[in-house]
Amino acid sequence: QVQLVESGGGLVQPGGSLRLSCAASGFTLDYYAIGWFRQAPGKEREGVSCISSSDGSTLYSHSVKGRFTISRDNAKNTVYLQMNSLTPEDTAVYYCAADPYDRGSYEERYFAVWGQGTLVTVSS
C-alpha cells in the first residue's frame, strides 16, 4: 500500500511560520523526487517546490523563493517544507507527491503518488 501523508497545517498569523511534513509508507522515498504543490480557494493547483533524491538539489516557485525551504530525511522517510514570512496569499491546501524517475521538477505529470493534502490558513 503506497501512501503519502501530509501534516503540520493549521491557522497562522501573517508573518508567521509553519513546517509541513510529508511521510511515506509502503515504499522508501530514497529514490524519488518529492514535490510540494498547493491549491488556493478558486485557483488551480500550482507547483511550489521539489527536491531530488540523487543530489538533494531543490527548486522553488518565484512566489515562495527565499521564504520556503524544502528538505528531506531519508532515515525517517519524510520530506519537510519550512514556510516563513507567510502571507494570506499562501492560504491553500498543500500536497506532497513523489516522482519515481527523480526528475527534480514540479510538473504535475511527473508525479505518480499523491497525498490528500493539509490545509494552511494565514489570517489575523
C-alpha atoms as a PDB file:
ATOM      1  CA  GLN A   1       0.000   0.000   0.000  1.00  0.00           C
ATOM      2  CA  VAL A   2       1.837   3.060  -1.310  1.00  0.00           C
ATOM      3  CA  GLN A   3       0.864   6.231   0.518  1.00  0.00           C
ATOM      4  CA  LEU A   4       1.976   9.782   1.319  1.00  0.00           C
ATOM      5  CA  VAL A   5       0.507  11.658   4.291  1.00  0.00           C
ATOM      6  CA  GLU A   6       0.900  15.402   4.859  1.00  0.00           C
ATOM      7  CA  SER A   7       0.717  17.005   8.294  1.00  0.00           C
ATOM      8  CA  GLY A   8       1.547  20.288  10.036  1.00  0.00           C
ATOM      9  CA  GLY A   9      -1.054  22.595   8.547  1.00  0.00           C
ATOM     10  CA  GLY A  10      -3.198  24.952  10.577  1.00  0.00           C
ATOM     11  CA  LEU A  11      -4.006  28.586  11.281  1.00  0.00           C
ATOM     12  CA  VAL A  12      -1.124  31.059  11.439  1.00  0.00           C
ATOM     13  CA  GLN A  13      -0.915  34.867  11.529  1.00  0.00           C
ATOM     14  CA  PRO A  14       0.642  36.845   8.678  1.00  0.00           C
ATOM     15  CA  GLY A  15       4.403  36.886   9.099  1.00  0.00           C
ATOM     16  CA  GLY A  16       4.352  33.604  10.978  1.00  0.00           C
ATOM     17  CA  SER A  17       5.872  30.222  10.185  1.00  0.00           C
ATOM     18  CA  LEU A  18       4.812  26.605   9.805  1.00  0.00           C
ATOM     19  CA  ARG A  19       6.622  23.391   8.989  1.00  0.00           C
ATOM     20  CA  LEU A  20       4.815  20.797   6.909  1.00  0.00           C
ATOM     21  CA  SER A  21       5.761  17.120   6.869  1.00  0.00           C
ATOM     22  CA  CYS A  22       5.264  14.501   4.166  1.00  0.00           C
ATOM     23  CA  ALA A  23       5.637  10.936   5.423  1.00  0.00           C
ATOM     24  CA  ALA A  24       5.896   7.965   3.059  1.00  0.00           C
ATOM     25  CA  SER A  25       4.619   4.477   3.816  1.00  0.00           C
ATOM     26  CA  GLY A  26       4.640   1.327   1.703  1.00  0.00           C
ATOM     27  CA  PHE A  27       7.798   2.453  -0.083  1.00  0.00           C
ATOM     28  CA  THR A  28      11.054   4.246   0.597  1.00  0.00           C
ATOM     29  CA  LEU A  29      11.434   7.756  -0.807  1.00  0.00           C
ATOM     30  CA  ASP A  30      15.210   7.450  -1.181  1.00  0.00           C
ATOM     31  CA  TYR A  31      14.989   7.175  -4.971  1.00  0.00           C
ATOM     32  CA  TYR A  32      12.086   9.566  -5.575  1.00  0.00           C
ATOM     33  CA  ALA A  33      11.991  13.261  -6.171  1.00  0.00           C
ATOM     34  CA  ILE A  34       9.394  14.827  -3.867  1.00  0.00           C
ATOM     35  CA  GLY A  35       7.340  17.857  -4.804  1.00  0.00           C
ATOM     36  CA  TRP A  36       5.116  20.220  -2.843  1.00  0.00           C
ATOM     37  CA  PHE A  37       2.047  21.682  -4.525  1.00  0.00           C
ATOM     38  CA  ARG A  38      -0.778  23.891  -3.338  1.00  0.00           C
ATOM     39  CA  GLN A  39      -4.305  24.805  -4.339  1.00  0.00           C
ATOM     40  CA  ALA A  40      -5.803  28.048  -3.076  1.00  0.00           C
ATOM     41  CA  PRO A  41      -9.572  28.668  -2.991  1.00  0.00           C
ATOM     42  CA  GLY A  42     -10.867  29.266  -6.504  1.00  0.00           C
ATOM     43  CA  LYS A  43      -7.479  28.659  -8.126  1.00  0.00           C
ATOM     44  CA  GLU A  44      -5.729  25.855  -9.973  1.00  0.00           C
ATOM     45  CA  ARG A  45      -3.132  23.712  -8.257  1.00  0.00           C
ATOM     46  CA  GLU A  46       0.418  25.014  -8.660  1.00  0.00           C
ATOM     47  CA  GLY A  47       3.897  23.695  -8.020  1.00  0.00           C
ATOM     48  CA  VAL A  48       5.690  25.159  -5.009  1.00  0.00           C
ATOM     49  CA  SER A  49       8.950  23.263  -4.570  1.00  0.00           C
ATOM     50  CA  CYS A  50      10.711  19.978  -5.246  1.00  0.00           C
ATOM     51  CA  ILE A  51      13.784  18.122  -4.062  1.00  0.00           C
ATOM     52  CA  SER A  52      15.718  15.420  -5.879  1.00  0.00           C
ATOM     53  CA  SER A  53      16.863  12.138  -4.356  1.00  0.00           C
ATOM     54  CA  SER A  54      20.132  11.833  -6.270  1.00  0.00           C
ATOM     55  CA  ASP A  55      21.910  15.018  -5.186  1.00  0.00           C
ATOM     56  CA  GLY A  56      19.409  16.848  -2.978  1.00  0.00           C
ATOM     57  CA  SER A  57      19.057  19.750  -5.396  1.00  0.00           C
ATOM     58  CA  THR A  58      16.000  21.949  -4.878  1.00  0.00           C
ATOM     59  CA  LEU A  59      13.652  24.085  -6.939  1.00  0.00           C
ATOM     60  CA  TYR A  60      11.214  26.795  -5.820  1.00  0.00           C
ATOM     61  CA  SER A  61       8.482  28.796  -7.462  1.00  0.00           C
ATOM     62  CA  HIS A  62       9.067  32.531  -7.730  1.00  0.00           C
ATOM     63  CA  SER A  63       6.345  33.307  -5.181  1.00  0.00           C
ATOM     64  CA  VAL A  64       7.965  31.301  -2.357  1.00  0.00           C
ATOM     65  CA  LYS A  65      11.686  31.501  -3.113  1.00  0.00           C
ATOM     66  CA  GLY A  66      13.552  32.954  -0.152  1.00  0.00           C
ATOM     67  CA  ARG A  67      10.697  32.193   2.249  1.00  0.00           C
ATOM     68  CA  PHE A  68      10.205  28.420   1.965  1.00  0.00           C
ATOM     69  CA  THR A  69      12.794  25.665   2.369  1.00  0.00           C
ATOM     70  CA  ILE A  70      12.359  22.040   1.328  1.00  0.00           C
ATOM     71  CA  SER A  71      14.422  19.283   2.936  1.00  0.00           C
ATOM     72  CA  ARG A  72      14.424  15.519   3.295  1.00  0.00           C
ATOM     73  CA  ASP A  73      15.370  12.995   5.962  1.00  0.00           C
ATOM     74  CA  ASN A  74      15.646   9.616   4.277  1.00  0.00           C
ATOM     75  CA  ALA A  75      16.197   7.831   7.597  1.00  0.00           C
ATOM     76  CA  LYS A  76      12.721   8.999   8.664  1.00  0.00           C
ATOM     77  CA  ASN A  77      11.224   8.517   5.187  1.00  0.00           C
ATOM     78  CA  THR A  78       9.973  12.098   5.423  1.00  0.00           C
ATOM     79  CA  VAL A  79      10.207  15.361   3.478  1.00  0.00           C
ATOM     80  CA  TYR A  80       9.613  18.774   5.054  1.00  0.00           C
ATOM     81  CA  LEU A  81       8.557  22.210   3.885  1.00  0.00           C
ATOM     82  CA  GLN A  82       9.562  25.050   6.209  1.00  0.00           C
ATOM     83  CA  MET A  83       7.391  28.088   5.474  1.00  0.00           C
ATOM     84  CA  ASN A  84       8.393  31.514   6.808  1.00  0.00           C
ATOM     85  CA  SER A  85       7.032  35.046   6.373  1.00  0.00           C
ATOM     86  CA  LEU A  86       3.618  33.704   5.488  1.00  0.00           C
ATOM     87  CA  THR A  87       1.014  35.923   3.838  1.00  0.00           C
ATOM     88  CA  PRO A  88      -2.721  35.448   3.218  1.00  0.00           C
ATOM     89  CA  GLU A  89      -1.841  34.573  -0.396  1.00  0.00           C
ATOM     90  CA  ASP A  90      -0.166  31.412   0.929  1.00  0.00           C
ATOM     91  CA  THR A  91      -3.520  30.108   2.170  1.00  0.00           C
ATOM     92  CA  ALA A  92      -4.135  26.811   0.386  1.00  0.00           C
ATOM     93  CA  VAL A  93      -4.336  23.066   0.689  1.00  0.00           C
ATOM     94  CA  TYR A  94      -0.752  21.818   0.412  1.00  0.00           C
ATOM     95  CA  TYR A  95       0.016  18.459  -1.207  1.00  0.00           C
ATOM     96  CA  CYS A  96       3.167  16.405  -1.472  1.00  0.00           C
ATOM     97  CA  ALA A  97       3.818  13.993  -4.322  1.00  0.00           C
ATOM     98  CA  ALA A  98       6.508  11.542  -5.448  1.00  0.00           C
ATOM     99  CA  ASP A  99       8.239  11.247  -8.834  1.00  0.00           C
ATOM    100  CA  PRO A 100       9.689   7.744  -9.314  1.00  0.00           C
ATOM    101  CA  TYR A 101      12.052   8.936 -12.055  1.00  0.00           C
ATOM    102  CA  ASP A 102      13.640  11.635  -9.891  1.00  0.00           C
ATOM    103  CA  ARG A 103      13.373  14.400 -12.454  1.00  0.00           C
ATOM    104  CA  GLY A 104      13.658  17.225  -9.923  1.00  0.00           C
ATOM    105  CA  SER A 105      10.787  19.178 -11.451  1.00  0.00           C
ATOM    106  CA  TYR A 106       7.366  20.184 -10.203  1.00  0.00           C
ATOM    107  CA  GLU A 107       5.493  19.485 -13.416  1.00  0.00           C
ATOM    108  CA  GLU A 108       2.466  17.563 -12.176  1.00  0.00           C
ATOM    109  CA  ARG A 109       2.579  14.950 -14.938  1.00  0.00           C
ATOM    110  CA  TYR A 110       5.811  13.544 -13.475  1.00  0.00           C
ATOM    111  CA  PHE A 111       4.297  12.620 -10.112  1.00  0.00           C
ATOM    112  CA  ALA A 112       2.751   9.186  -9.587  1.00  0.00           C
ATOM    113  CA  VAL A 113       1.873   9.177  -5.861  1.00  0.00           C
ATOM    114  CA  TRP A 114      -0.043  11.961  -4.113  1.00  0.00           C
ATOM    115  CA  GLY A 115      -1.065  12.723  -0.563  1.00  0.00           C
ATOM    116  CA  GLN A 116      -4.506  14.022   0.358  1.00  0.00           C
ATOM    117  CA  GLY A 117      -3.333  17.444   1.493  1.00  0.00           C
ATOM    118  CA  THR A 118      -3.094  19.577   4.618  1.00  0.00           C
ATOM    119  CA  LEU A 119      -4.790  22.966   4.963  1.00  0.00           C
ATOM    120  CA  VAL A 120      -2.755  26.095   5.712  1.00  0.00           C
ATOM    121  CA  THR A 121      -4.714  29.229   6.604  1.00  0.00           C
ATOM    122  CA  VAL A 122      -2.887  32.550   7.003  1.00  0.00           C
ATOM    123  CA  SER A 123      -5.128  35.103   8.690  1.00  0.00           C
ATOM    124  CA  SER A 124      -5.316  37.552  11.581  1.00  0.00           C
END
